[in-house]
N, C-alpha and C. Protein backbone atom coordinates (compact mmCIF):
# COMPACT_ATOMS: atom_id res chain seq x y z
N MET A 1 -31.73 -34.18 -35.10
CA MET A 1 -32.66 -33.69 -35.88
C MET A 1 -33.96 -33.47 -35.15
N LEU A 2 -34.17 -34.33 -34.12
CA LEU A 2 -35.30 -34.13 -33.27
C LEU A 2 -35.22 -32.87 -32.37
N LEU A 3 -34.02 -32.66 -32.02
CA LEU A 3 -33.80 -31.44 -31.06
C LEU A 3 -33.89 -30.23 -31.96
N SER A 4 -33.45 -30.25 -33.20
CA SER A 4 -33.44 -28.99 -34.11
C SER A 4 -34.94 -28.67 -34.44
N SER A 5 -35.66 -29.89 -34.48
CA SER A 5 -37.01 -29.76 -34.83
C SER A 5 -37.72 -29.06 -33.66
N ALA A 6 -37.50 -29.45 -32.47
CA ALA A 6 -38.13 -28.77 -31.34
C ALA A 6 -37.72 -27.33 -31.06
N ILE A 7 -36.60 -27.12 -31.32
CA ILE A 7 -36.06 -25.78 -31.27
C ILE A 7 -36.88 -24.60 -32.23
N ILE A 8 -36.91 -25.21 -33.47
CA ILE A 8 -37.39 -24.37 -34.45
C ILE A 8 -38.96 -24.18 -34.29
N TYR A 9 -39.57 -25.30 -34.01
CA TYR A 9 -41.05 -25.15 -33.38
C TYR A 9 -41.26 -24.40 -32.49
N GLY A 10 -40.50 -24.52 -31.32
CA GLY A 10 -40.68 -23.61 -30.17
C GLY A 10 -40.44 -22.12 -30.68
N SER A 11 -39.34 -21.80 -31.28
CA SER A 11 -39.20 -20.64 -31.62
C SER A 11 -40.16 -19.84 -32.39
N ALA A 12 -40.87 -20.76 -33.35
CA ALA A 12 -41.95 -20.14 -33.99
C ALA A 12 -43.22 -19.85 -33.31
N LEU A 13 -43.38 -20.59 -32.26
CA LEU A 13 -44.52 -20.45 -31.36
C LEU A 13 -44.35 -19.36 -30.51
N ILE A 14 -43.06 -19.20 -29.90
CA ILE A 14 -42.76 -18.08 -29.09
C ILE A 14 -42.89 -16.75 -29.91
N SER A 15 -42.44 -16.80 -31.19
CA SER A 15 -42.48 -15.45 -31.95
C SER A 15 -43.97 -15.20 -32.39
N ALA A 16 -44.77 -16.21 -32.55
CA ALA A 16 -46.15 -15.94 -32.84
C ALA A 16 -47.05 -15.41 -31.63
N SER A 17 -46.62 -15.90 -30.29
CA SER A 17 -47.23 -15.49 -29.21
C SER A 17 -46.88 -13.97 -28.85
N VAL A 18 -45.65 -13.54 -29.20
CA VAL A 18 -45.18 -12.20 -28.94
C VAL A 18 -45.93 -11.39 -30.02
N TYR A 19 -45.97 -11.79 -31.23
CA TYR A 19 -46.59 -10.90 -32.30
C TYR A 19 -48.19 -10.87 -31.98
N ALA A 20 -48.65 -11.94 -31.44
CA ALA A 20 -50.25 -11.77 -31.13
C ALA A 20 -50.44 -10.73 -30.21
N GLN A 21 -49.57 -10.32 -29.27
CA GLN A 21 -49.70 -9.28 -28.41
C GLN A 21 -50.04 -7.88 -28.89
N THR A 22 -49.20 -7.74 -30.09
CA THR A 22 -49.03 -6.41 -30.78
C THR A 22 -50.37 -6.41 -31.73
N LEU A 23 -50.95 -7.61 -32.16
CA LEU A 23 -52.13 -7.63 -32.99
C LEU A 23 -53.45 -7.19 -32.17
N THR A 24 -53.32 -7.47 -30.83
CA THR A 24 -54.40 -7.04 -29.87
C THR A 24 -54.20 -5.71 -29.36
N GLY A 25 -53.34 -5.01 -29.89
CA GLY A 25 -52.85 -3.79 -29.32
C GLY A 25 -54.05 -2.73 -28.84
N THR A 26 -53.84 -1.40 -29.30
CA THR A 26 -54.76 -0.33 -28.80
C THR A 26 -56.19 -0.45 -29.57
N ASP A 27 -56.27 -0.73 -30.84
CA ASP A 27 -57.52 -0.85 -31.35
C ASP A 27 -58.09 -2.44 -31.71
N GLY A 28 -57.11 -3.18 -31.53
CA GLY A 28 -57.42 -4.66 -31.73
C GLY A 28 -57.74 -5.22 -33.23
N GLN A 29 -57.40 -4.42 -34.16
CA GLN A 29 -57.56 -4.49 -35.49
C GLN A 29 -56.38 -5.30 -36.08
N GLY A 30 -56.41 -5.75 -37.26
CA GLY A 30 -55.27 -6.47 -37.81
C GLY A 30 -55.21 -7.92 -37.73
N TRP A 31 -56.27 -8.54 -37.14
CA TRP A 31 -56.15 -10.06 -37.09
C TRP A 31 -57.69 -10.46 -37.57
N ASN A 32 -57.41 -11.76 -38.20
CA ASN A 32 -58.57 -12.32 -38.89
C ASN A 32 -59.37 -13.16 -37.79
N THR A 33 -60.75 -12.79 -37.85
CA THR A 33 -61.60 -13.48 -36.90
C THR A 33 -61.72 -14.83 -37.04
N GLN A 34 -61.68 -15.44 -38.43
CA GLN A 34 -61.70 -16.78 -38.54
C GLN A 34 -60.76 -17.69 -37.97
N HIS A 35 -59.48 -17.20 -37.91
CA HIS A 35 -58.24 -17.76 -37.32
C HIS A 35 -57.83 -17.42 -35.94
N GLY A 36 -58.41 -16.37 -35.36
CA GLY A 36 -58.19 -15.92 -33.89
C GLY A 36 -56.81 -15.10 -34.10
N VAL A 37 -56.53 -14.60 -32.97
CA VAL A 37 -55.42 -13.71 -32.84
C VAL A 37 -54.24 -14.67 -32.97
N PHE A 38 -54.16 -15.71 -32.27
CA PHE A 38 -52.85 -16.46 -32.37
C PHE A 38 -52.78 -17.08 -33.73
N GLY A 39 -53.76 -17.77 -34.32
CA GLY A 39 -53.76 -18.29 -35.71
C GLY A 39 -53.18 -17.27 -36.66
N THR A 40 -53.71 -16.00 -36.72
CA THR A 40 -53.37 -14.92 -37.67
C THR A 40 -51.80 -14.66 -37.28
N ALA A 41 -51.31 -14.59 -36.01
CA ALA A 41 -49.90 -14.44 -35.73
C ALA A 41 -49.32 -15.40 -36.43
N LEU A 42 -49.48 -16.64 -36.14
CA LEU A 42 -48.78 -17.74 -36.53
C LEU A 42 -48.68 -17.88 -38.20
N ARG A 43 -49.79 -17.52 -38.75
CA ARG A 43 -49.64 -17.43 -40.32
C ARG A 43 -48.63 -16.30 -40.75
N GLU A 44 -48.70 -15.08 -40.08
CA GLU A 44 -47.91 -13.90 -40.37
C GLU A 44 -46.50 -14.19 -40.01
N VAL A 45 -46.22 -14.95 -38.90
CA VAL A 45 -44.82 -15.30 -38.59
C VAL A 45 -44.23 -16.15 -39.77
N GLY A 46 -45.10 -16.94 -40.23
CA GLY A 46 -44.60 -18.00 -41.27
C GLY A 46 -44.89 -19.41 -40.97
N THR A 47 -45.16 -19.95 -41.98
CA THR A 47 -45.58 -21.46 -41.90
C THR A 47 -44.44 -22.23 -42.41
N ILE A 48 -43.44 -21.72 -42.82
CA ILE A 48 -42.16 -22.26 -43.16
C ILE A 48 -41.30 -22.76 -42.16
N PRO A 49 -41.20 -22.09 -40.97
CA PRO A 49 -40.54 -22.79 -39.81
C PRO A 49 -41.22 -24.11 -39.15
N ILE A 50 -42.64 -23.94 -39.24
CA ILE A 50 -43.41 -25.06 -38.97
C ILE A 50 -43.22 -26.37 -39.94
N ILE A 51 -43.10 -26.05 -41.14
CA ILE A 51 -43.05 -27.04 -42.07
C ILE A 51 -41.71 -27.71 -41.97
N ILE A 52 -40.58 -26.92 -41.70
CA ILE A 52 -39.24 -27.34 -41.55
C ILE A 52 -39.11 -28.16 -40.30
N SER A 53 -39.84 -27.74 -39.37
CA SER A 53 -39.67 -28.49 -38.09
C SER A 53 -40.47 -29.80 -38.10
N VAL A 54 -41.47 -29.96 -38.89
CA VAL A 54 -42.29 -31.21 -39.06
C VAL A 54 -41.31 -32.13 -39.80
N PHE A 55 -40.73 -31.49 -40.88
CA PHE A 55 -39.80 -32.61 -41.82
C PHE A 55 -38.66 -33.06 -41.01
N LEU A 56 -38.00 -32.06 -40.21
CA LEU A 56 -36.96 -32.56 -39.27
C LEU A 56 -37.45 -33.54 -38.42
N ALA A 57 -38.56 -33.51 -37.78
CA ALA A 57 -39.03 -34.37 -36.80
C ALA A 57 -39.30 -35.75 -37.32
N ILE A 58 -40.06 -35.89 -38.69
CA ILE A 58 -40.08 -36.96 -39.37
C ILE A 58 -38.83 -37.66 -39.52
N LEU A 59 -37.99 -36.91 -40.35
CA LEU A 59 -36.60 -37.31 -40.60
C LEU A 59 -35.85 -37.97 -39.56
N GLY A 60 -36.05 -37.38 -38.24
CA GLY A 60 -35.41 -37.77 -37.08
C GLY A 60 -36.14 -39.08 -36.41
N MET A 61 -37.22 -39.22 -36.70
CA MET A 61 -37.91 -40.42 -36.07
C MET A 61 -37.62 -41.55 -37.26
N ILE A 62 -37.50 -41.24 -38.55
CA ILE A 62 -37.03 -42.31 -39.15
C ILE A 62 -35.64 -42.78 -38.97
N PHE A 63 -34.84 -41.99 -38.75
CA PHE A 63 -33.44 -42.36 -38.42
C PHE A 63 -33.48 -43.24 -37.05
N VAL A 64 -34.20 -42.75 -36.12
CA VAL A 64 -34.29 -43.47 -34.81
C VAL A 64 -34.70 -44.70 -35.11
N VAL A 65 -35.82 -45.17 -35.84
CA VAL A 65 -36.27 -46.22 -36.17
C VAL A 65 -35.36 -47.15 -36.81
N LYS A 66 -34.65 -46.62 -37.92
CA LYS A 66 -33.65 -47.28 -38.79
C LYS A 66 -32.55 -47.74 -37.81
N PHE A 67 -31.96 -46.86 -37.11
CA PHE A 67 -30.76 -47.28 -36.31
C PHE A 67 -31.08 -48.21 -35.17
N LYS A 68 -32.22 -48.23 -34.81
CA LYS A 68 -32.74 -48.92 -33.63
C LYS A 68 -32.88 -50.47 -34.05
N LYS A 69 -33.20 -50.63 -35.35
CA LYS A 69 -33.28 -52.07 -35.99
C LYS A 69 -31.86 -52.57 -36.28
N ASP A 70 -30.93 -51.72 -36.46
CA ASP A 70 -29.58 -52.25 -36.73
C ASP A 70 -28.70 -52.65 -35.48
């Protein structure tokens, strides 16, 4: 679960960074100045993959701690 979490989180960050390059294209419009270019790209790529990866990471840590005690 920890590995799946890392893969999903990394994929979301890579997708956001590639999309951020298109937001700063020719006219530089399309991104929110409050969040910045990368923050806007991360919101548009989706927060669902980030939420899933955090959930899997927490669940993976719980399993590691639980099985470490046994």
